[in-house]
Amino acid sequence: MNRKEFDSLSIEKQLDYINGKLKAGLTVTETCKQIGIGRSTMTDRAKKIGKKYNSKYNQYIKINNDDSN
């Protein structure tokens, strides 16, 4: 997927796409490089919809205020 196609998706769908790549064994950095987007850009987009990267699960997940990670 290129950057233009990726940007046309909703943020939720963008994170679904990245989470799928993470399940397939890629890292966030590798996936972002393939798309042509900065990792920090994805972090900012995830925050907008209340999600963050959780290294324990290797996924972007809903922010839980009780979560210490």
N, C-alpha and C. Protein backbone atom coordinates (compact mmCIF):
# COMPACT_ATOMS: atom_id res chain seq x y z
N MET A 1 0.86 -1.17 0.00
CA MET A 1 0.00 0.00 0.00
C MET A 1 0.90 1.23 0.00
N ASN A 2 0.57 2.20 -0.83
CA ASN A 2 1.38 3.42 -0.84
C ASN A 2 0.77 4.46 0.10
N ARG A 3 1.48 5.56 0.27
CA ARG A 3 1.06 6.60 1.22
C ARG A 3 -0.30 7.19 0.86
N LYS A 4 -0.55 7.43 -0.42
CA LYS A 4 -1.82 8.03 -0.84
C LYS A 4 -2.99 7.11 -0.49
N GLU A 5 -2.83 5.83 -0.78
CA GLU A 5 -3.89 4.86 -0.46
C GLU A 5 -4.09 4.78 1.06
N PHE A 6 -2.98 4.77 1.78
CA PHE A 6 -3.04 4.66 3.23
C PHE A 6 -3.75 5.87 3.83
N ASP A 7 -3.39 7.06 3.36
CA ASP A 7 -4.00 8.29 3.89
C ASP A 7 -5.49 8.39 3.58
N SER A 8 -5.95 7.69 2.56
CA SER A 8 -7.37 7.74 2.22
C SER A 8 -8.23 6.90 3.17
N LEU A 9 -7.58 6.05 3.97
CA LEU A 9 -8.30 5.23 4.94
C LEU A 9 -8.59 6.04 6.20
N SER A 10 -9.62 5.64 6.94
CA SER A 10 -9.86 6.23 8.25
C SER A 10 -8.70 5.84 9.17
N ILE A 11 -8.50 6.58 10.23
CA ILE A 11 -7.41 6.27 11.15
C ILE A 11 -7.60 4.87 11.73
N GLU A 12 -8.82 4.50 12.03
CA GLU A 12 -9.10 3.16 12.55
C GLU A 12 -8.64 2.09 11.56
N LYS A 13 -8.94 2.28 10.29
CA LYS A 13 -8.53 1.32 9.25
C LYS A 13 -7.02 1.34 9.06
N GLN A 14 -6.40 2.51 9.21
CA GLN A 14 -4.94 2.59 9.13
C GLN A 14 -4.30 1.73 10.22
N LEU A 15 -4.83 1.85 11.43
CA LEU A 15 -4.28 1.07 12.54
C LEU A 15 -4.57 -0.42 12.37
N ASP A 16 -5.73 -0.75 11.81
CA ASP A 16 -6.02 -2.16 11.51
C ASP A 16 -5.00 -2.71 10.53
N TYR A 17 -4.66 -1.92 9.52
CA TYR A 17 -3.67 -2.33 8.53
C TYR A 17 -2.31 -2.55 9.19
N ILE A 18 -1.88 -1.60 10.00
CA ILE A 18 -0.60 -1.72 10.67
C ILE A 18 -0.60 -2.90 11.64
N ASN A 19 -1.68 -3.07 12.40
CA ASN A 19 -1.75 -4.20 13.32
C ASN A 19 -1.66 -5.54 12.57
N GLY A 20 -2.24 -5.60 11.39
CA GLY A 20 -2.13 -6.80 10.57
C GLY A 20 -0.69 -7.09 10.18
N LYS A 21 0.04 -6.03 9.83
CA LYS A 21 1.46 -6.19 9.48
C LYS A 21 2.27 -6.61 10.71
N LEU A 22 1.91 -6.09 11.87
CA LEU A 22 2.60 -6.46 13.11
C LEU A 22 2.37 -7.94 13.42
N LYS A 23 1.15 -8.40 13.21
CA LYS A 23 0.85 -9.83 13.43
C LYS A 23 1.63 -10.71 12.47
N ALA A 24 1.93 -10.18 11.29
CA ALA A 24 2.69 -10.92 10.28
C ALA A 24 4.20 -10.91 10.56
N GLY A 25 4.62 -10.20 11.60
CA GLY A 25 6.02 -10.21 11.99
C GLY A 25 6.82 -8.96 11.70
N LEU A 26 6.23 -7.98 11.06
CA LEU A 26 6.94 -6.72 10.81
C LEU A 26 6.90 -5.84 12.05
N THR A 27 7.80 -4.87 12.10
CA THR A 27 7.78 -3.88 13.18
C THR A 27 7.00 -2.65 12.71
N VAL A 28 6.66 -1.78 13.65
CA VAL A 28 5.99 -0.53 13.30
C VAL A 28 6.88 0.28 12.36
N THR A 29 8.17 0.35 12.68
CA THR A 29 9.11 1.13 11.87
C THR A 29 9.18 0.58 10.45
N GLU A 30 9.30 -0.73 10.30
CA GLU A 30 9.36 -1.35 8.97
C GLU A 30 8.08 -1.08 8.18
N THR A 31 6.95 -1.21 8.84
CA THR A 31 5.67 -1.00 8.17
C THR A 31 5.52 0.45 7.73
N CYS A 32 5.87 1.38 8.60
CA CYS A 32 5.79 2.80 8.25
C CYS A 32 6.72 3.14 7.09
N LYS A 33 7.90 2.55 7.07
CA LYS A 33 8.83 2.79 5.96
C LYS A 33 8.24 2.28 4.65
N GLN A 34 7.61 1.12 4.68
CA GLN A 34 7.00 0.56 3.47
C GLN A 34 5.91 1.49 2.93
N ILE A 35 5.15 2.08 3.83
CA ILE A 35 4.06 2.97 3.44
C ILE A 35 4.58 4.34 3.02
N GLY A 36 5.67 4.76 3.66
CA GLY A 36 6.21 6.09 3.40
C GLY A 36 5.68 7.12 4.37
N ILE A 37 5.45 6.69 5.60
CA ILE A 37 4.91 7.58 6.64
C ILE A 37 5.81 7.47 7.87
N GLY A 38 5.91 8.54 8.61
CA GLY A 38 6.74 8.52 9.82
C GLY A 38 6.06 7.80 10.96
N ARG A 39 6.85 7.13 11.76
CA ARG A 39 6.30 6.44 12.93
C ARG A 39 5.63 7.43 13.87
N SER A 40 6.23 8.60 14.02
CA SER A 40 5.65 9.61 14.91
C SER A 40 4.29 10.09 14.40
N THR A 41 4.12 10.11 13.09
CA THR A 41 2.84 10.48 12.50
C THR A 41 1.78 9.46 12.91
N MET A 42 2.14 8.18 12.89
CA MET A 42 1.18 7.14 13.28
C MET A 42 0.87 7.24 14.77
N THR A 43 1.88 7.56 15.57
CA THR A 43 1.65 7.74 17.00
C THR A 43 0.64 8.85 17.23
N ASP A 44 0.81 9.97 16.54
CA ASP A 44 -0.12 11.10 16.68
C ASP A 44 -1.52 10.74 16.22
N ARG A 45 -1.63 10.02 15.10
CA ARG A 45 -2.94 9.62 14.59
C ARG A 45 -3.63 8.67 15.56
N ALA A 46 -2.88 7.74 16.11
CA ALA A 46 -3.45 6.79 17.06
C ALA A 46 -3.98 7.51 18.30
N LYS A 47 -3.22 8.47 18.79
CA LYS A 47 -3.65 9.24 19.97
C LYS A 47 -4.98 9.95 19.72
N LYS A 48 -5.18 10.41 18.48
CA LYS A 48 -6.42 11.13 18.15
C LYS A 48 -7.66 10.28 18.37
N ILE A 49 -7.51 8.96 18.24
CA ILE A 49 -8.67 8.09 18.43
C ILE A 49 -8.54 7.24 19.70
N GLY A 50 -7.67 7.66 20.61
CA GLY A 50 -7.56 7.01 21.91
C GLY A 50 -6.84 5.67 21.90
N LYS A 51 -5.86 5.53 21.01
CA LYS A 51 -5.09 4.30 20.96
C LYS A 51 -3.60 4.61 21.06
N LYS A 52 -2.84 3.59 21.46
CA LYS A 52 -1.39 3.72 21.52
C LYS A 52 -0.77 2.36 21.24
N TYR A 53 0.51 2.38 20.89
CA TYR A 53 1.23 1.14 20.65
C TYR A 53 1.56 0.51 21.99
N ASN A 54 1.27 -0.78 22.11
CA ASN A 54 1.58 -1.52 23.32
C ASN A 54 2.58 -2.61 22.95
N SER A 55 3.80 -2.49 23.44
CA SER A 55 4.86 -3.44 23.07
C SER A 55 4.59 -4.84 23.61
N LYS A 56 3.87 -4.94 24.71
CA LYS A 56 3.55 -6.25 25.28
C LYS A 56 2.73 -7.08 24.30
N TYR A 57 1.78 -6.43 23.62
CA TYR A 57 0.91 -7.11 22.66
C TYR A 57 1.36 -6.91 21.22
N ASN A 58 2.34 -6.05 21.00
CA ASN A 58 2.82 -5.71 19.67
C ASN A 58 1.67 -5.26 18.77
N GLN A 59 0.82 -4.40 19.31
CA GLN A 59 -0.37 -3.92 18.60
C GLN A 59 -0.70 -2.51 19.08
N TYR A 60 -1.41 -1.77 18.24
CA TYR A 60 -2.03 -0.52 18.68
C TYR A 60 -3.34 -0.91 19.34
N ILE A 61 -3.51 -0.47 20.59
CA ILE A 61 -4.71 -0.83 21.34
C ILE A 61 -5.32 0.40 22.00
N LYS A 62 -6.55 0.25 22.45
CA LYS A 62 -7.26 1.33 23.13
C LYS A 62 -6.52 1.70 24.40
N ILE A 63 -6.37 2.99 24.63
CA ILE A 63 -5.68 3.46 25.84
C ILE A 63 -6.57 3.19 27.03
N ASN A 64 -5.98 2.55 28.02
CA ASN A 64 -6.66 2.28 29.27
C ASN A 64 -5.96 3.10 30.34
N ASN A 65 -6.68 3.98 30.98
CA ASN A 65 -6.05 4.86 31.97
C ASN A 65 -5.42 4.10 33.13
N ASP A 66 -5.87 2.83 33.35
CA ASP A 66 -5.30 2.02 34.42
C ASP A 66 -4.08 1.24 33.96
N ASP A 67 -3.77 1.31 32.66
CA ASP A 67 -2.66 0.56 32.08
C ASP A 67 -1.36 1.29 32.36
N SER A 68 -0.41 0.61 32.96
CA SER A 68 0.86 1.26 33.27
C SER A 68 1.83 1.21 32.10
N ASN A 69 1.52 0.49 31.04
CA ASN A 69 2.42 0.40 29.87
C ASN A 69 2.11 1.47 28.90
